[in-house]
Amino acid sequence: MINEERGKPITAKEFEEHWKEINYQLEIEGLKPTTEDKEAIRKVLTGEMDIKRLTDGI
C-alpha cells in the first residue's frame, strides 16, 4: 500500500481502492475487522497516525 516512493503514505482514495484486499487478507488470518479497525488502519496508512499508537496499552 505504499506509493511509488517507499515509505510515502497512501491517499484516502487509494486506501479505499485497496480496502477489499486488506479486509480479505485479514479474514484469511481469522480476523474480522470492525469499523474502528478500518479507520485505524486507514489513519496509519495515510500517515495521520503513528503505527506505535496501535499498540499503546497492550
C-alpha atoms as a PDB file:
ATOM      1  CA  MET A   1       0.000   0.000   0.000  1.00  0.00           C
ATOM      2  CA  ILE A   2       2.961   2.317  -0.387  1.00  0.00           C
ATOM      3  CA  ASN A   3       3.121   4.843  -3.216  1.00  0.00           C
ATOM      4  CA  GLU A   4       5.936   4.973  -5.775  1.00  0.00           C
ATOM      5  CA  GLU A   5       8.340   6.346  -3.177  1.00  0.00           C
ATOM      6  CA  ARG A   6       8.949   3.781  -0.465  1.00  0.00           C
ATOM      7  CA  GLY A   7       7.542   4.964   2.820  1.00  0.00           C
ATOM      8  CA  LYS A   8       5.275   7.636   1.362  1.00  0.00           C
ATOM      9  CA  PRO A   9       1.755   7.386   2.841  1.00  0.00           C
ATOM     10  CA  ILE A  10      -1.101   6.480   0.532  1.00  0.00           C
ATOM     11  CA  THR A  11      -4.100   8.717  -0.039  1.00  0.00           C
ATOM     12  CA  ALA A  12      -7.522   8.056   1.477  1.00  0.00           C
ATOM     13  CA  LYS A  13      -8.790   7.303  -2.045  1.00  0.00           C
ATOM     14  CA  GLU A  14      -6.011   4.738  -2.594  1.00  0.00           C
ATOM     15  CA  PHE A  15      -6.843   3.168   0.754  1.00  0.00           C
ATOM     16  CA  GLU A  16     -10.486   2.707  -0.230  1.00  0.00           C
ATOM     17  CA  GLU A  17      -9.378   1.142  -3.526  1.00  0.00           C
ATOM     18  CA  HIS A  18      -7.286  -1.422  -1.602  1.00  0.00           C
ATOM     19  CA  TRP A  19      -9.597  -1.985   1.371  1.00  0.00           C
ATOM     20  CA  LYS A  20     -11.301  -5.090  -0.082  1.00  0.00           C
ATOM     21  CA  GLU A  21      -7.930  -6.818  -0.445  1.00  0.00           C
ATOM     22  CA  ILE A  22      -6.796  -5.705   3.013  1.00  0.00           C
ATOM     23  CA  ASN A  23     -10.068  -6.973   4.506  1.00  0.00           C
ATOM     24  CA  TYR A  24      -9.771 -10.275   2.604  1.00  0.00           C
ATOM     25  CA  GLN A  25      -6.229 -10.843   3.880  1.00  0.00           C
ATOM     26  CA  LEU A  26      -7.284 -10.132   7.460  1.00  0.00           C
ATOM     27  CA  GLU A  27     -10.194 -12.562   7.160  1.00  0.00           C
ATOM     28  CA  ILE A  28      -7.826 -15.257   5.837  1.00  0.00           C
ATOM     29  CA  GLU A  29      -5.913 -14.800   9.098  1.00  0.00           C
ATOM     30  CA  GLY A  30      -9.154 -15.322  11.010  1.00  0.00           C
ATOM     31  CA  LEU A  31      -9.658 -11.649  11.825  1.00  0.00           C
ATOM     32  CA  LYS A  32     -12.881  -9.742  11.270  1.00  0.00           C
ATOM     33  CA  PRO A  33     -12.020  -6.042  11.203  1.00  0.00           C
ATOM     34  CA  THR A  34     -14.542  -3.649  12.718  1.00  0.00           C
ATOM     35  CA  THR A  35     -15.306  -0.144  11.504  1.00  0.00           C
ATOM     36  CA  GLU A  36     -12.910   1.122  14.184  1.00  0.00           C
ATOM     37  CA  ASP A  37     -10.189  -1.233  12.895  1.00  0.00           C
ATOM     38  CA  LYS A  38     -10.690   0.016   9.349  1.00  0.00           C
ATOM     39  CA  GLU A  39     -10.418   3.630  10.497  1.00  0.00           C
ATOM     40  CA  ALA A  40      -7.234   2.937  12.477  1.00  0.00           C
ATOM     41  CA  ILE A  41      -5.655   1.110   9.522  1.00  0.00           C
ATOM     42  CA  ARG A  42      -6.626   3.971   7.212  1.00  0.00           C
ATOM     43  CA  LYS A  43      -5.087   6.548   9.541  1.00  0.00           C
ATOM     44  CA  VAL A  44      -1.806   4.629   9.774  1.00  0.00           C
ATOM     45  CA  LEU A  45      -1.514   4.015   6.025  1.00  0.00           C
ATOM     46  CA  THR A  46      -2.368   7.615   5.155  1.00  0.00           C
ATOM     47  CA  GLY A  47       0.110   8.952   7.700  1.00  0.00           C
ATOM     48  CA  GLU A  48      -2.480  10.535  10.012  1.00  0.00           C
ATOM     49  CA  MET A  49      -1.458   8.343  12.957  1.00  0.00           C
ATOM     50  CA  ASP A  50       1.814   6.727  14.029  1.00  0.00           C
ATOM     51  CA  ILE A  51       1.644   2.934  13.994  1.00  0.00           C
ATOM     52  CA  LYS A  52       3.046   2.914  17.544  1.00  0.00           C
ATOM     53  CA  ARG A  53      -0.315   4.249  18.771  1.00  0.00           C
ATOM     54  CA  LEU A  54      -1.974   0.978  17.705  1.00  0.00           C
ATOM     55  CA  THR A  55      -0.051  -0.929  20.359  1.00  0.00           C
ATOM     56  CA  ASP A  56      -0.356   1.627  23.179  1.00  0.00           C
ATOM     57  CA  GLY A  57      -1.739  -0.026  26.278  1.00  0.00           C
ATOM     58  CA  ILE A  58      -1.034  -3.603  25.201  1.00  0.00           C
END
